[in-house]
C-alpha atoms as a PDB file:
ATOM      1  CA  MET A   1     -19.893  -2.158  20.803  1.00  0.00           C
ATOM      2  CA  PHE A   2     -18.388  -5.493  21.811  1.00  0.00           C
ATOM      3  CA  HIS A   3     -18.392  -6.658  18.179  1.00  0.00           C
ATOM      4  CA  LYS A   4     -16.399  -3.567  17.072  1.00  0.00           C
ATOM      5  CA  PHE A   5     -13.834  -4.093  19.834  1.00  0.00           C
ATOM      6  CA  PHE A   6     -13.513  -7.801  19.069  1.00  0.00           C
ATOM      7  CA  MET A   7     -13.104  -7.243  15.315  1.00  0.00           C
ATOM      8  CA  LYS A   8     -10.477  -4.559  15.949  1.00  0.00           C
ATOM      9  CA  LYS A   9      -8.429  -7.011  18.037  1.00  0.00           C
ATOM     10  CA  ILE A  10      -8.685  -9.680  15.325  1.00  0.00           C
ATOM     11  CA  ARG A  11      -7.638  -7.249  12.591  1.00  0.00           C
ATOM     12  CA  LYS A  12      -4.691  -6.040  14.640  1.00  0.00           C
ATOM     13  CA  LYS A  13      -3.587  -9.615  15.332  1.00  0.00           C
ATOM     14  CA  LEU A  14      -3.818 -10.683  11.697  1.00  0.00           C
ATOM     15  CA  GLY A  15      -2.307  -7.433  10.426  1.00  0.00           C
ATOM     16  CA  VAL A  16      -1.385  -7.202   6.770  1.00  0.00           C
ATOM     17  CA  GLU A  17      -2.554 -10.763   6.061  1.00  0.00           C
ATOM     18  CA  TYR A  18      -6.119  -9.772   6.986  1.00  0.00           C
ATOM     19  CA  LYS A  19      -5.884  -6.595   4.917  1.00  0.00           C
ATOM     20  CA  LEU A  20      -4.603  -8.477   1.891  1.00  0.00           C
ATOM     21  CA  ARG A  21      -7.431 -10.991   2.146  1.00  0.00           C
ATOM     22  CA  ARG A  22      -9.931  -8.142   2.338  1.00  0.00           C
ATOM     23  CA  HIS A  23      -8.505  -6.525  -0.781  1.00  0.00           C
ATOM     24  CA  PHE A  24      -7.804  -9.612  -2.854  1.00  0.00           C
ATOM     25  CA  GLY A  25     -10.446 -12.004  -1.554  1.00  0.00           C
ATOM     26  CA  LYS A  26     -13.408 -13.160  -3.592  1.00  0.00           C
ATOM     27  CA  ASP A  27     -15.443 -10.091  -2.619  1.00  0.00           C
ATOM     28  CA  ALA A  28     -12.609  -7.587  -3.124  1.00  0.00           C
ATOM     29  CA  HIS A  29     -14.282  -6.128  -6.201  1.00  0.00           C
ATOM     30  CA  HIS A  30     -16.961  -4.659  -3.939  1.00  0.00           C
ATOM     31  CA  HIS A  31     -14.396  -2.664  -1.959  1.00  0.00           C
ATOM     32  CA  HIS A  32     -11.885  -1.682  -4.662  1.00  0.00           C
ATOM     33  CA  PRO A  33     -12.936  -2.563  -8.213  1.00  0.00           C
ATOM     34  CA  HIS A  34      -9.666  -1.251  -9.697  1.00  0.00           C
ATOM     35  CA  ILE A  35      -7.422  -3.779  -7.941  1.00  0.00           C
ATOM     36  CA  HIS A  36      -8.124  -6.832 -10.080  1.00  0.00           C
ATOM     37  CA  LYS A  37      -7.680  -4.810 -13.244  1.00  0.00           C
ATOM     38  CA  HIS A  38      -4.169  -3.634 -12.294  1.00  0.00           C
ATOM     39  CA  TYR A  39      -2.829  -6.500 -10.205  1.00  0.00           C
ATOM     40  CA  ASN A  40      -0.631  -9.140 -11.847  1.00  0.00           C
ATOM     41  CA  PRO A  41      -0.428 -12.142  -9.471  1.00  0.00           C
ATOM     42  CA  ASP A  42       2.885 -13.221 -11.059  1.00  0.00           C
ATOM     43  CA  LYS A  43       4.617 -10.188  -9.536  1.00  0.00           C
ATOM     44  CA  PRO A  44       4.980 -10.285  -5.750  1.00  0.00           C
ATOM     45  CA  LEU A  45       3.423  -7.458  -3.771  1.00  0.00           C
ATOM     46  CA  ILE A  46       5.639  -5.745  -1.235  1.00  0.00           C
ATOM     47  CA  SER A  47       5.086  -2.948   1.202  1.00  0.00           C
ATOM     48  CA  LEU A  48       6.738   0.357   0.328  1.00  0.00           C
ATOM     49  CA  SER A  49       8.299   0.389   3.799  1.00  0.00           C
ATOM     50  CA  VAL A  50      10.576  -2.553   2.876  1.00  0.00           C
ATOM     51  CA  ALA A  51      11.268  -1.554  -0.729  1.00  0.00           C
ATOM     52  CA  GLN A  52      14.914  -1.042  -1.690  1.00  0.00           C
ATOM     53  CA  ARG A  53      16.141   1.694  -4.041  1.00  0.00           C
ATOM     54  CA  GLY A  54      14.658   1.352  -7.485  1.00  0.00           C
ATOM     55  CA  GLU A  55      11.469   1.694  -9.489  1.00  0.00           C
ATOM     56  CA  TYR A  56       8.140   0.219  -8.497  1.00  0.00           C
ATOM     57  CA  GLU A  57       4.560   0.277  -9.695  1.00  0.00           C
ATOM     58  CA  PHE A  58       1.880   1.381  -7.248  1.00  0.00           C
ATOM     59  CA  ILE A  59      -0.929  -1.172  -6.856  1.00  0.00           C
ATOM     60  CA  THR A  60      -3.107  -0.235  -3.858  1.00  0.00           C
ATOM     61  CA  THR A  61      -3.246   0.966  -0.267  1.00  0.00           C
ATOM     62  CA  LEU A  62      -4.351  -0.883   2.832  1.00  0.00           C
ATOM     63  CA  CYS A  63      -5.327   2.210   4.795  1.00  0.00           C
ATOM     64  CA  ASP A  64      -8.675   3.745   5.595  1.00  0.00           C
ATOM     65  CA  HIS A  65     -10.713   5.664   3.039  1.00  0.00           C
ATOM     66  CA  GLU A  66      -9.621   9.120   4.217  1.00  0.00           C
ATOM     67  CA  MET A  67      -5.893   8.331   3.967  1.00  0.00           C
ATOM     68  CA  GLU A  68      -6.450   6.563   0.644  1.00  0.00           C
ATOM     69  CA  HIS A  69      -8.067   9.731  -0.695  1.00  0.00           C
ATOM     70  CA  ARG A  70      -5.164  11.880   0.536  1.00  0.00           C
ATOM     71  CA  LEU A  71      -2.656   9.561  -1.118  1.00  0.00           C
ATOM     72  CA  MET A  72      -4.600   9.710  -4.387  1.00  0.00           C
ATOM     73  CA  GLU A  73      -4.355  13.494  -4.264  1.00  0.00           C
ATOM     74  CA  MET A  74      -0.561  13.125  -3.959  1.00  0.00           C
ATOM     75  CA  GLY A  75      -0.446  10.972  -7.091  1.00  0.00           C
ATOM     76  CA  PHE A  76      -0.854   7.418  -5.783  1.00  0.00           C
ATOM     77  CA  ILE A  77      -3.009   6.094  -8.606  1.00  0.00           C
ATOM     78  CA  PRO A  78      -2.810   2.424  -9.704  1.00  0.00           C
ATOM     79  CA  GLN A  79      -0.058   1.739 -12.257  1.00  0.00           C
ATOM     80  CA  THR A  80       1.812   4.937 -11.344  1.00  0.00           C
ATOM     81  CA  LYS A  81       5.589   4.562 -11.230  1.00  0.00           C
ATOM     82  CA  ILE A  82       7.288   5.242  -7.909  1.00  0.00           C
ATOM     83  CA  LYS A  83      11.026   5.639  -7.503  1.00  0.00           C
ATOM     84  CA  VAL A  84      12.404   4.828  -4.062  1.00  0.00           C
ATOM     85  CA  ILE A  85      15.244   7.276  -3.477  1.00  0.00           C
ATOM     86  CA  GLU A  86      16.169   6.236   0.043  1.00  0.00           C
ATOM     87  CA  ASN A  87      14.800   3.805   2.606  1.00  0.00           C
ATOM     88  CA  PRO A  88      17.250   3.858   5.531  1.00  0.00           C
ATOM     89  CA  ASP A  89      15.452   1.362   7.788  1.00  0.00           C
ATOM     90  CA  SER A  90      11.984   0.164   8.680  1.00  0.00           C
ATOM     91  CA  SER A  91      11.510   2.726  11.459  1.00  0.00           C
ATOM     92  CA  GLY A  92      12.397   5.885   9.514  1.00  0.00           C
ATOM     93  CA  ALA A  93      10.953   7.806   6.618  1.00  0.00           C
ATOM     94  CA  VAL A  94      10.901   6.469   3.080  1.00  0.00           C
ATOM     95  CA  PHE A  95      11.980   9.011   0.467  1.00  0.00           C
ATOM     96  CA  ILE A  96      10.282   8.565  -2.899  1.00  0.00           C
ATOM     97  CA  GLU A  97       9.659  10.323  -6.168  1.00  0.00           C
ATOM     98  CA  ILE A  98       6.218  10.116  -7.742  1.00  0.00           C
ATOM     99  CA  LYS A  99       5.041  12.074 -10.781  1.00  0.00           C
ATOM    100  CA  GLY A 100       8.024  14.428 -10.540  1.00  0.00           C
ATOM    101  CA  SER A 101       7.469  15.267  -6.854  1.00  0.00           C
ATOM    102  CA  LYS A 102       9.724  14.104  -4.035  1.00  0.00           C
ATOM    103  CA  LEU A 103       7.995  12.957  -0.866  1.00  0.00           C
ATOM    104  CA  ALA A 104       8.973  11.598   2.534  1.00  0.00           C
ATOM    105  CA  LEU A 105       6.494   9.098   3.977  1.00  0.00           C
ATOM    106  CA  ASN A 106       6.633   7.855   7.539  1.00  0.00           C
ATOM    107  CA  SER A 107       6.989   4.110   8.013  1.00  0.00           C
ATOM    108  CA  LYS A 108       3.369   3.632   9.140  1.00  0.00           C
ATOM    109  CA  ILE A 109       1.959   5.088   5.920  1.00  0.00           C
ATOM    110  CA  ALA A 110       4.612   3.411   3.765  1.00  0.00           C
ATOM    111  CA  ASN A 111       3.707   0.071   5.342  1.00  0.00           C
ATOM    112  CA  ASP A 112       0.127   0.420   4.021  1.00  0.00           C
ATOM    113  CA  ILE A 113       1.210   1.086   0.419  1.00  0.00           C
ATOM    114  CA  LEU A 114       1.604  -1.997  -1.765  1.00  0.00           C
ATOM    115  CA  VAL A 115       3.810  -1.955  -4.858  1.00  0.00           C
ATOM    116  CA  THR A 116       5.405  -4.367  -7.322  1.00  0.00           C
ATOM    117  CA  ALA A 117       8.933  -4.138  -8.657  1.00  0.00           C
ATOM    118  CA  ILE A 118       9.442  -3.008 -12.243  1.00  0.00           C
ATOM    119  CA  ILE A 119      11.869  -5.379 -13.870  1.00  0.00           C
END
């Protein structure tokens, strides 16, 4: 019980940095084998919550398994193109287009979605 509480505090404190290390660390292939195959380290990863208008390529999520599954059902599959239609500010919804469907994602979910810009 104490260990779970302690680890939760550490994860919260480290935030995205911890999540990125978990996904892209040396043992990342055990958690998400598809990441290394689709990730190009020359392109910087950004969170969808800070993405400006334009086209991006979906890389991975940093959320729990249940939310990851729900996002996959909506079309968030690695190497899928995402078009950011509107991103008014970091506290509001992000409006995107993915696979012909338009979606509005709240900032918490958008913060856990990592993309790279398509140049």
